[in-house]
Amino acid sequence: MRVLVTGATGQLGRALAASAPAGVEVLAAARDQLDLLDGDVGARVSDLAPDLILNAAAYTAVDKAEEDAALAQRINGDAVAELAATGIRLVHVSTDYVLPGDRAHPARPDDPVGPLGAYGRTKLEGEQAALAAGALVVRTAWVYAAEGKNFVHAMLGRMKQGTDLRVVADQSGTPTHAASLARALWSLAKVEATGLHHFTDAGVASWYDFAVAISEEGRALGLFDHQVAITPIPTEDYPTPAARPAYSVLDCHTTWAITGVPRHWRDELRSMLRELGEGEAGHG
């Protein structure tokens, strides 16, 4: 099977390539090989003749999307519609940001959508185009990996410098390791799942909880050796151009029935930090 992975140099794209099942030929398309800003995305993909497209490419700069809405729309909305229009089986990755995050229960796939900003609106357009074409759409949240820009790396950088932190404590979701998400996507692709699914690692956390766990696990693994003060703050004390969902925990049980229940997010975080530490030791 030939599988085209878009966004191949991103954290999820790398994880997909690294975890491809036996017998799968991965066509890893970075931006210089397949630019979703081009007007002939569909034709270029058809020329590659994959059996399946795993679309891990996205415009993910949530705050910048407020001023770059046209660019976000091109990548998150229009390009997805073009991929779907090829008729090639498509697995598309979406986000918790399509939801308003105003409910007290984990969001089910059939709960009402209501994005709070341009990023969420453009991602919603992409998933709607994919679903209309019979694709598989998988919403996820708070993705991180050993490589790439993400919350874990941002926190670690400041912790290693000994910088005290103030972290939002009234937004909740589920940190999700890109490797865990990649395994789930391959499992769903194998059974040719379609429709809308939710997948994250298990458990719930606030950004503050996540930061505390990064500090504790990072110190335990020797990534730094000093205590860092982390203060919980409300969202109103950390204003951003784009509003964030307050409660974006996803109900993943129907998906987990197919993929298997993943590990708790803290176990996955520990694995990722251990990988990061081994990589740093190898370069030391």
C-alpha atoms as a PDB file:
ATOM      1  CA  MET A   1       0.000   0.000   0.000  1.00  0.00           C
ATOM      2  CA  ARG A   2       1.262   3.463  -0.941  1.00  0.00           C
ATOM      3  CA  VAL A   3       0.372   6.067   1.678  1.00  0.00           C
ATOM      4  CA  LEU A   4       0.935   9.772   1.157  1.00  0.00           C
ATOM      5  CA  VAL A   5       1.701  11.595   4.419  1.00  0.00           C
ATOM      6  CA  THR A   6       1.344  15.356   4.095  1.00  0.00           C
ATOM      7  CA  GLY A   7       3.103  17.645   6.549  1.00  0.00           C
ATOM      8  CA  ALA A   8       5.844  15.034   6.767  1.00  0.00           C
ATOM      9  CA  THR A   9       8.333  17.246   8.640  1.00  0.00           C
ATOM     10  CA  GLY A  10       5.842  18.174  11.358  1.00  0.00           C
ATOM     11  CA  GLN A  11       5.626  16.371  14.666  1.00  0.00           C
ATOM     12  CA  LEU A  12       2.689  14.166  13.616  1.00  0.00           C
ATOM     13  CA  GLY A  13       4.045  13.588  10.119  1.00  0.00           C
ATOM     14  CA  ARG A  14       7.336  12.321  11.552  1.00  0.00           C
ATOM     15  CA  ALA A  15       5.487  10.049  13.976  1.00  0.00           C
ATOM     16  CA  LEU A  16       3.353   8.603  11.179  1.00  0.00           C
ATOM     17  CA  ALA A  17       6.408   7.811   9.062  1.00  0.00           C
ATOM     18  CA  ALA A  18       8.196   6.249  12.046  1.00  0.00           C
ATOM     19  CA  SER A  19       5.276   3.987  12.972  1.00  0.00           C
ATOM     20  CA  ALA A  20       4.136   2.847   9.518  1.00  0.00           C
ATOM     21  CA  PRO A  21       3.028  -0.797   9.521  1.00  0.00           C
ATOM     22  CA  ALA A  22       4.917  -3.447   7.589  1.00  0.00           C
ATOM     23  CA  GLY A  23       4.010  -3.512   3.928  1.00  0.00           C
ATOM     24  CA  VAL A  24       3.263   0.212   3.760  1.00  0.00           C
ATOM     25  CA  GLU A  25       5.261   2.439   1.432  1.00  0.00           C
ATOM     26  CA  VAL A  26       5.220   5.921   2.922  1.00  0.00           C
ATOM     27  CA  LEU A  27       5.382   8.853   0.527  1.00  0.00           C
ATOM     28  CA  ALA A  28       6.505  11.515   2.991  1.00  0.00           C
ATOM     29  CA  ALA A  29       5.616  14.866   1.461  1.00  0.00           C
ATOM     30  CA  ALA A  30       7.172  17.905   3.075  1.00  0.00           C
ATOM     31  CA  ARG A  31       6.118  21.392   2.027  1.00  0.00           C
ATOM     32  CA  ASP A  32       8.791  21.647  -0.657  1.00  0.00           C
ATOM     33  CA  GLN A  33       7.413  18.466  -2.252  1.00  0.00           C
ATOM     34  CA  LEU A  34       3.711  19.197  -1.837  1.00  0.00           C
ATOM     35  CA  ASP A  35       2.835  22.775  -0.978  1.00  0.00           C
ATOM     36  CA  LEU A  36      -0.793  23.067   0.058  1.00  0.00           C
ATOM     37  CA  LEU A  37      -0.681  26.711  -1.002  1.00  0.00           C
ATOM     38  CA  ASP A  38      -0.341  25.621  -4.633  1.00  0.00           C
ATOM     39  CA  GLY A  39      -3.467  25.703  -6.734  1.00  0.00           C
ATOM     40  CA  ASP A  40      -2.932  22.246  -8.227  1.00  0.00           C
ATOM     41  CA  VAL A  41      -2.784  20.178  -5.028  1.00  0.00           C
ATOM     42  CA  GLY A  42      -5.328  17.667  -6.264  1.00  0.00           C
ATOM     43  CA  ALA A  43      -3.543  17.094  -9.558  1.00  0.00           C
ATOM     44  CA  ARG A  44      -0.142  16.685  -7.911  1.00  0.00           C
ATOM     45  CA  VAL A  45      -1.515  14.192  -5.406  1.00  0.00           C
ATOM     46  CA  SER A  46      -3.232  12.212  -8.151  1.00  0.00           C
ATOM     47  CA  ASP A  47       0.072  12.028 -10.034  1.00  0.00           C
ATOM     48  CA  LEU A  48       1.646  10.371  -6.982  1.00  0.00           C
ATOM     49  CA  ALA A  49      -1.122   7.747  -7.103  1.00  0.00           C
ATOM     50  CA  PRO A  50      -1.296   6.847  -3.406  1.00  0.00           C
ATOM     51  CA  ASP A  51      -3.821   4.355  -2.102  1.00  0.00           C
ATOM     52  CA  LEU A  52      -4.399   6.498   0.984  1.00  0.00           C
ATOM     53  CA  ILE A  53      -3.738  10.078   2.083  1.00  0.00           C
ATOM     54  CA  LEU A  54      -2.927  10.826   5.727  1.00  0.00           C
ATOM     55  CA  ASN A  55      -3.277  14.585   5.994  1.00  0.00           C
ATOM     56  CA  ALA A  56      -1.092  15.739   8.880  1.00  0.00           C
ATOM     57  CA  ALA A  57      -0.456  19.174   7.356  1.00  0.00           C
ATOM     58  CA  ALA A  58      -2.134  22.185   8.936  1.00  0.00           C
ATOM     59  CA  TYR A  59      -1.787  25.858   9.767  1.00  0.00           C
ATOM     60  CA  THR A  60      -1.603  25.583  13.572  1.00  0.00           C
ATOM     61  CA  ALA A  61      -0.507  29.042  14.723  1.00  0.00           C
ATOM     62  CA  VAL A  62      -3.700  29.712  16.666  1.00  0.00           C
ATOM     63  CA  ASP A  63      -3.054  33.368  17.487  1.00  0.00           C
ATOM     64  CA  LYS A  64      -1.451  34.308  14.165  1.00  0.00           C
ATOM     65  CA  ALA A  65      -4.503  32.856  12.384  1.00  0.00           C
ATOM     66  CA  GLU A  66      -6.516  35.814  13.650  1.00  0.00           C
ATOM     67  CA  GLU A  67      -4.541  38.101  11.343  1.00  0.00           C
ATOM     68  CA  ASP A  68      -3.622  35.425   8.780  1.00  0.00           C
ATOM     69  CA  ALA A  69      -7.120  34.034   8.310  1.00  0.00           C
ATOM     70  CA  ALA A  70      -6.788  33.788   4.520  1.00  0.00           C
ATOM     71  CA  LEU A  71      -3.618  31.699   4.803  1.00  0.00           C
ATOM     72  CA  ALA A  72      -5.168  29.470   7.456  1.00  0.00           C
ATOM     73  CA  GLN A  73      -8.231  29.054   5.238  1.00  0.00           C
ATOM     74  CA  ARG A  74      -6.106  28.008   2.273  1.00  0.00           C
ATOM     75  CA  ILE A  75      -4.249  25.309   4.217  1.00  0.00           C
ATOM     76  CA  ASN A  76      -6.882  24.149   6.707  1.00  0.00           C
ATOM     77  CA  GLY A  77      -9.949  24.478   4.515  1.00  0.00           C
ATOM     78  CA  ASP A  78      -9.445  24.811   0.749  1.00  0.00           C
ATOM     79  CA  ALA A  79      -6.531  22.379   0.425  1.00  0.00           C
ATOM     80  CA  VAL A  80      -8.399  19.712   2.391  1.00  0.00           C
ATOM     81  CA  ALA A  81     -11.351  20.050   0.036  1.00  0.00           C
ATOM     82  CA  GLU A  82      -8.956  19.551  -2.885  1.00  0.00           C
ATOM     83  CA  LEU A  83      -7.456  16.436  -1.284  1.00  0.00           C
ATOM     84  CA  ALA A  84     -10.947  15.062  -0.682  1.00  0.00           C
ATOM     85  CA  ALA A  85     -11.960  15.781  -4.277  1.00  0.00           C
ATOM     86  CA  THR A  86      -9.255  13.461  -5.643  1.00  0.00           C
ATOM     87  CA  GLY A  87     -11.388  10.449  -4.737  1.00  0.00           C
ATOM     88  CA  ILE A  88      -8.402   8.863  -2.986  1.00  0.00           C
ATOM     89  CA  ARG A  89      -9.180   7.504   0.477  1.00  0.00           C
ATOM     90  CA  LEU A  90      -8.433  10.281   2.981  1.00  0.00           C
ATOM     91  CA  VAL A  91      -7.667  10.384   6.685  1.00  0.00           C
ATOM     92  CA  HIS A  92      -7.770  13.981   7.912  1.00  0.00           C
ATOM     93  CA  VAL A  93      -6.647  15.241  11.323  1.00  0.00           C
ATOM     94  CA  SER A  94      -8.746  17.949  12.967  1.00  0.00           C
ATOM     95  CA  THR A  95      -8.808  19.641  16.356  1.00  0.00           C
ATOM     96  CA  ASP A  96     -10.680  20.299  19.584  1.00  0.00           C
ATOM     97  CA  TYR A  97     -10.700  23.978  18.553  1.00  0.00           C
ATOM     98  CA  VAL A  98     -13.730  23.369  16.324  1.00  0.00           C
ATOM     99  CA  LEU A  99     -15.710  23.039  19.577  1.00  0.00           C
ATOM    100  CA  PRO A 100     -16.798  25.887  21.887  1.00  0.00           C
ATOM    101  CA  GLY A 101     -15.544  24.137  25.029  1.00  0.00           C
ATOM    102  CA  ASP A 102     -18.485  25.433  27.049  1.00  0.00           C
ATOM    103  CA  ARG A 103     -19.842  22.100  28.332  1.00  0.00           C
ATOM    104  CA  ALA A 104     -19.024  20.209  31.494  1.00  0.00           C
ATOM    105  CA  HIS A 105     -18.796  16.777  29.864  1.00  0.00           C
ATOM    106  CA  PRO A 106     -16.212  15.367  27.421  1.00  0.00           C
ATOM    107  CA  ALA A 107     -17.249  16.363  23.896  1.00  0.00           C
ATOM    108  CA  ARG A 108     -18.741  13.620  21.763  1.00  0.00           C
ATOM    109  CA  PRO A 109     -18.267  13.609  17.990  1.00  0.00           C
ATOM    110  CA  ASP A 110     -21.929  14.543  17.509  1.00  0.00           C
ATOM    111  CA  ASP A 111     -21.897  17.484  19.937  1.00  0.00           C
ATOM    112  CA  PRO A 112     -22.534  20.944  18.444  1.00  0.00           C
ATOM    113  CA  VAL A 113     -19.515  22.696  16.983  1.00  0.00           C
ATOM    114  CA  GLY A 114     -18.725  26.340  17.617  1.00  0.00           C
ATOM    115  CA  PRO A 115     -15.145  27.461  16.972  1.00  0.00           C
ATOM    116  CA  LEU A 116     -14.002  30.520  18.889  1.00  0.00           C
ATOM    117  CA  GLY A 117     -11.445  31.831  16.392  1.00  0.00           C
ATOM    118  CA  ALA A 118     -10.087  31.728  12.856  1.00  0.00           C
ATOM    119  CA  TYR A 119      -7.991  28.611  13.428  1.00  0.00           C
ATOM    120  CA  GLY A 120     -11.002  26.625  14.611  1.00  0.00           C
ATOM    121  CA  ARG A 121     -13.254  27.998  11.871  1.00  0.00           C
ATOM    122  CA  THR A 122     -10.833  27.032   9.108  1.00  0.00           C
ATOM    123  CA  LYS A 123     -10.234  23.583  10.606  1.00  0.00           C
ATOM    124  CA  LEU A 124     -14.011  23.076  10.763  1.00  0.00           C
ATOM    125  CA  GLU A 125     -14.327  23.890   7.062  1.00  0.00           C
ATOM    126  CA  GLY A 126     -11.646  21.329   6.295  1.00  0.00           C
ATOM    127  CA  GLU A 127     -13.255  18.573   8.303  1.00  0.00           C
ATOM    128  CA  GLN A 128     -16.675  19.282   6.792  1.00  0.00           C
ATOM    129  CA  ALA A 129     -15.241  19.017   3.276  1.00  0.00           C
ATOM    130  CA  ALA A 130     -13.507  15.752   4.171  1.00  0.00           C
ATOM    131  CA  LEU A 131     -16.614  14.256   5.762  1.00  0.00           C
ATOM    132  CA  ALA A 132     -18.740  15.227   2.773  1.00  0.00           C
ATOM    133  CA  ALA A 133     -16.389  13.151   0.602  1.00  0.00           C
ATOM    134  CA  GLY A 134     -16.644  10.088   2.845  1.00  0.00           C
ATOM    135  CA  ALA A 135     -13.269  10.522   4.544  1.00  0.00           C
ATOM    136  CA  LEU A 136     -12.171   9.668   8.065  1.00  0.00           C
ATOM    137  CA  VAL A 137     -11.770  12.742  10.257  1.00  0.00           C
ATOM    138  CA  VAL A 138      -9.994  12.400  13.604  1.00  0.00           C
ATOM    139  CA  ARG A 139     -10.139  15.261  16.072  1.00  0.00           C
ATOM    140  CA  THR A 140      -7.352  15.410  18.625  1.00  0.00           C
ATOM    141  CA  ALA A 141      -5.932  17.897  21.121  1.00  0.00           C
ATOM    142  CA  TRP A 142      -2.788  19.284  22.756  1.00  0.00           C
ATOM    143  CA  VAL A 143      -0.359  17.327  20.567  1.00  0.00           C
ATOM    144  CA  TYR A 144       3.348  17.308  21.414  1.00  0.00           C
ATOM    145  CA  ALA A 145       6.441  15.315  20.412  1.00  0.00           C
ATOM    146  CA  ALA A 146      10.173  15.128  21.043  1.00  0.00           C
ATOM    147  CA  GLU A 147      10.714  17.195  17.885  1.00  0.00           C
ATOM    148  CA  GLY A 148       8.939  20.349  16.821  1.00  0.00           C
ATOM    149  CA  LYS A 149       7.429  23.420  18.466  1.00  0.00           C
ATOM    150  CA  ASN A 150       4.973  22.575  21.226  1.00  0.00           C
ATOM    151  CA  PHE A 151       4.030  23.338  24.813  1.00  0.00           C
ATOM    152  CA  VAL A 152       6.438  20.778  26.268  1.00  0.00           C
ATOM    153  CA  HIS A 153       9.455  22.289  24.531  1.00  0.00           C
ATOM    154  CA  ALA A 154       8.370  25.820  25.430  1.00  0.00           C
ATOM    155  CA  MET A 155       8.072  24.883  29.103  1.00  0.00           C
ATOM    156  CA  LEU A 156      11.320  22.892  29.153  1.00  0.00           C
ATOM    157  CA  GLY A 157      13.250  25.764  27.648  1.00  0.00           C
ATOM    158  CA  ARG A 158      12.152  28.117  30.413  1.00  0.00           C
ATOM    159  CA  MET A 159      12.574  25.498  33.132  1.00  0.00           C
ATOM    160  CA  LYS A 160      16.159  24.818  32.089  1.00  0.00           C
ATOM    161  CA  GLN A 161      16.831  28.550  32.382  1.00  0.00           C
ATOM    162  CA  GLY A 162      15.365  28.513  35.898  1.00  0.00           C
ATOM    163  CA  THR A 163      12.560  30.887  34.928  1.00  0.00           C
ATOM    164  CA  ASP A 164       9.539  30.966  37.221  1.00  0.00           C
ATOM    165  CA  LEU A 165       6.310  30.270  35.348  1.00  0.00           C
ATOM    166  CA  ARG A 166       2.710  31.466  35.424  1.00  0.00           C
ATOM    167  CA  VAL A 167       0.459  28.980  33.634  1.00  0.00           C
ATOM    168  CA  VAL A 168      -3.265  29.013  32.891  1.00  0.00           C
ATOM    169  CA  ALA A 169      -5.154  26.659  35.199  1.00  0.00           C
ATOM    170  CA  ASP A 170      -8.775  27.065  34.049  1.00  0.00           C
ATOM    171  CA  GLN A 171      -8.498  25.515  30.582  1.00  0.00           C
ATOM    172  CA  SER A 172      -8.693  21.715  30.499  1.00  0.00           C
ATOM    173  CA  GLY A 173      -7.951  19.122  27.845  1.00  0.00           C
ATOM    174  CA  THR A 174      -5.772  16.076  27.277  1.00  0.00           C
ATOM    175  CA  PRO A 175      -2.087  16.210  26.326  1.00  0.00           C
ATOM    176  CA  THR A 176      -1.568  13.772  23.444  1.00  0.00           C
ATOM    177  CA  HIS A 177       1.749  12.307  22.345  1.00  0.00           C
ATOM    178  CA  ALA A 178       2.143  12.439  18.551  1.00  0.00           C
ATOM    179  CA  ALA A 179       3.426   8.847  18.608  1.00  0.00           C
ATOM    180  CA  SER A 180       0.242   7.698  20.326  1.00  0.00           C
ATOM    181  CA  LEU A 181      -1.929   9.578  17.834  1.00  0.00           C
ATOM    182  CA  ALA A 182       0.040   8.155  14.906  1.00  0.00           C
ATOM    183  CA  ARG A 183      -0.521   4.582  16.113  1.00  0.00           C
ATOM    184  CA  ALA A 184      -4.231   5.278  16.411  1.00  0.00           C
ATOM    185  CA  LEU A 185      -4.431   6.723  12.892  1.00  0.00           C
ATOM    186  CA  TRP A 186      -2.756   3.650  11.431  1.00  0.00           C
ATOM    187  CA  SER A 187      -5.193   1.422  13.361  1.00  0.00           C
ATOM    188  CA  LEU A 188      -8.188   3.340  12.069  1.00  0.00           C
ATOM    189  CA  ALA A 189      -6.832   3.329   8.525  1.00  0.00           C
ATOM    190  CA  LYS A 190      -6.316  -0.437   8.693  1.00  0.00           C
ATOM    191  CA  VAL A 191     -10.015  -1.081   9.354  1.00  0.00           C
ATOM    192  CA  GLU A 192     -10.987   1.586   6.790  1.00  0.00           C
ATOM    193  CA  ALA A 193     -12.903   3.622   9.353  1.00  0.00           C
ATOM    194  CA  THR A 194     -14.858   6.612   8.076  1.00  0.00           C
ATOM    195  CA  GLY A 195     -16.815   9.453   9.625  1.00  0.00           C
ATOM    196  CA  LEU A 196     -15.899  11.540  12.635  1.00  0.00           C
ATOM    197  CA  HIS A 197     -13.773  10.186  15.480  1.00  0.00           C
ATOM    198  CA  HIS A 198     -12.104  11.631  18.570  1.00  0.00           C
ATOM    199  CA  PHE A 199      -8.710  10.474  19.805  1.00  0.00           C
ATOM    200  CA  THR A 200      -6.464  11.667  22.611  1.00  0.00           C
ATOM    201  CA  ASP A 201      -4.422   9.928  25.258  1.00  0.00           C
ATOM    202  CA  ALA A 202      -6.302   9.041  28.456  1.00  0.00           C
ATOM    203  CA  GLY A 203      -6.897  11.418  31.337  1.00  0.00           C
ATOM    204  CA  VAL A 204      -7.538  15.135  31.821  1.00  0.00           C
ATOM    205  CA  ALA A 205      -5.278  18.074  32.679  1.00  0.00           C
ATOM    206  CA  SER A 206      -5.152  21.827  32.778  1.00  0.00           C
ATOM    207  CA  TRP A 207      -2.219  23.632  31.199  1.00  0.00           C
ATOM    208  CA  TYR A 208      -1.001  24.188  34.758  1.00  0.00           C
ATOM    209  CA  ASP A 209      -1.230  20.447  35.512  1.00  0.00           C
ATOM    210  CA  PHE A 210       0.657  19.755  32.291  1.00  0.00           C
ATOM    211  CA  ALA A 211       3.415  22.200  33.206  1.00  0.00           C
ATOM    212  CA  VAL A 212       3.785  20.742  36.710  1.00  0.00           C
ATOM    213  CA  ALA A 213       4.067  17.238  35.226  1.00  0.00           C
ATOM    214  CA  ILE A 214       6.725  18.422  32.752  1.00  0.00           C
ATOM    215  CA  SER A 215       8.688  19.911  35.639  1.00  0.00           C
ATOM    216  CA  GLU A 216       8.430  16.824  37.853  1.00  0.00           C
ATOM    217  CA  GLU A 217       9.137  14.292  35.108  1.00  0.00           C
ATOM    218  CA  GLY A 218      11.890  16.423  33.585  1.00  0.00           C
ATOM    219  CA  ARG A 219      13.728  16.719  36.885  1.00  0.00           C
ATOM    220  CA  ALA A 220      13.298  13.003  37.607  1.00  0.00           C
ATOM    221  CA  LEU A 221      14.893  12.191  34.242  1.00  0.00           C
ATOM    222  CA  GLY A 222      17.781  14.621  34.771  1.00  0.00           C
ATOM    223  CA  LEU A 223      16.809  17.097  32.035  1.00  0.00           C
ATOM    224  CA  PHE A 224      17.443  19.846  34.595  1.00  0.00           C
ATOM    225  CA  ASP A 225      18.307  19.743  38.279  1.00  0.00           C
ATOM    226  CA  HIS A 226      16.599  22.683  39.957  1.00  0.00           C
ATOM    227  CA  GLN A 227      13.124  23.453  41.280  1.00  0.00           C
ATOM    228  CA  VAL A 228      11.008  25.830  39.216  1.00  0.00           C
ATOM    229  CA  ALA A 229       8.128  27.798  40.722  1.00  0.00           C
ATOM    230  CA  ILE A 230       4.911  27.347  38.729  1.00  0.00           C
ATOM    231  CA  THR A 231       1.951  29.559  39.627  1.00  0.00           C
ATOM    232  CA  PRO A 232      -1.592  28.765  38.451  1.00  0.00           C
ATOM    233  CA  ILE A 233      -3.393  31.737  36.885  1.00  0.00           C
ATOM    234  CA  PRO A 234      -6.813  32.348  35.285  1.00  0.00           C
ATOM    235  CA  THR A 235      -7.209  32.804  31.545  1.00  0.00           C
ATOM    236  CA  GLU A 236      -7.958  36.504  32.042  1.00  0.00           C
ATOM    237  CA  ASP A 237      -4.421  36.999  33.363  1.00  0.00           C
ATOM    238  CA  TYR A 238      -2.907  35.636  30.139  1.00  0.00           C
ATOM    239  CA  PRO A 239      -4.777  37.350  27.287  1.00  0.00           C
ATOM    240  CA  THR A 240      -4.183  36.051  23.752  1.00  0.00           C
ATOM    241  CA  PRO A 241      -5.441  37.232  20.336  1.00  0.00           C
ATOM    242  CA  ALA A 242      -7.484  34.023  19.922  1.00  0.00           C
ATOM    243  CA  ALA A 243      -9.884  32.685  22.530  1.00  0.00           C
ATOM    244  CA  ARG A 244      -9.297  29.118  23.720  1.00  0.00           C
ATOM    245  CA  PRO A 245     -11.917  26.507  24.657  1.00  0.00           C
ATOM    246  CA  ALA A 246     -12.233  26.301  28.443  1.00  0.00           C
ATOM    247  CA  TYR A 247     -13.037  22.573  28.478  1.00  0.00           C
ATOM    248  CA  SER A 248     -11.871  20.662  25.423  1.00  0.00           C
ATOM    249  CA  VAL A 249     -11.710  17.129  26.794  1.00  0.00           C
ATOM    250  CA  LEU A 250     -12.814  14.750  24.027  1.00  0.00           C
ATOM    251  CA  ASP A 251     -14.965  11.656  24.490  1.00  0.00           C
ATOM    252  CA  CYS A 252     -12.894   9.018  22.687  1.00  0.00           C
ATOM    253  CA  HIS A 253     -14.601   5.794  23.767  1.00  0.00           C
ATOM    254  CA  THR A 254     -16.003   4.798  20.374  1.00  0.00           C
ATOM    255  CA  THR A 255     -12.563   5.323  18.833  1.00  0.00           C
ATOM    256  CA  TRP A 256     -10.750   3.516  21.636  1.00  0.00           C
ATOM    257  CA  ALA A 257     -12.995   0.500  20.971  1.00  0.00           C
ATOM    258  CA  ILE A 258     -11.133   0.242  17.642  1.00  0.00           C
ATOM    259  CA  THR A 259      -7.643   1.437  18.541  1.00  0.00           C
ATOM    260  CA  GLY A 260      -7.427   0.148  22.088  1.00  0.00           C
ATOM    261  CA  VAL A 261      -7.352   2.423  25.124  1.00  0.00           C
ATOM    262  CA  PRO A 262      -4.147   4.486  25.117  1.00  0.00           C
ATOM    263  CA  ARG A 263      -1.959   5.103  28.120  1.00  0.00           C
ATOM    264  CA  HIS A 264      -2.557   7.969  30.507  1.00  0.00           C
ATOM    265  CA  TRP A 265      -1.138  11.230  29.182  1.00  0.00           C
ATOM    266  CA  ARG A 266       1.442  11.389  31.959  1.00  0.00           C
ATOM    267  CA  ASP A 267       2.859   7.983  31.016  1.00  0.00           C
ATOM    268  CA  GLU A 268       3.169   9.142  27.405  1.00  0.00           C
ATOM    269  CA  LEU A 269       4.794  12.394  28.545  1.00  0.00           C
ATOM    270  CA  ARG A 270       7.364  10.415  30.532  1.00  0.00           C
ATOM    271  CA  SER A 271       8.160   8.292  27.463  1.00  0.00           C
ATOM    272  CA  MET A 272       8.595  11.371  25.299  1.00  0.00           C
ATOM    273  CA  LEU A 273      10.855  13.107  27.847  1.00  0.00           C
ATOM    274  CA  ARG A 274      12.941   9.952  28.207  1.00  0.00           C
ATOM    275  CA  GLU A 275      13.349   9.886  24.410  1.00  0.00           C
ATOM    276  CA  LEU A 276      14.319  13.541  24.484  1.00  0.00           C
ATOM    277  CA  GLY A 277      16.874  12.942  27.237  1.00  0.00           C
ATOM    278  CA  GLU A 278      18.432  10.012  25.388  1.00  0.00           C
ATOM    279  CA  GLY A 279      18.678  12.137  22.266  1.00  0.00           C
ATOM    280  CA  GLU A 280      20.397  14.950  24.173  1.00  0.00           C
ATOM    281  CA  ALA A 281      22.804  12.460  25.749  1.00  0.00           C
ATOM    282  CA  GLY A 282      23.611  11.079  22.304  1.00  0.00           C
ATOM    283  CA  HIS A 283      24.527  14.556  21.100  1.00  0.00           C
ATOM    284  CA  GLY A 284      26.488  15.415  24.225  1.00  0.00           C
END
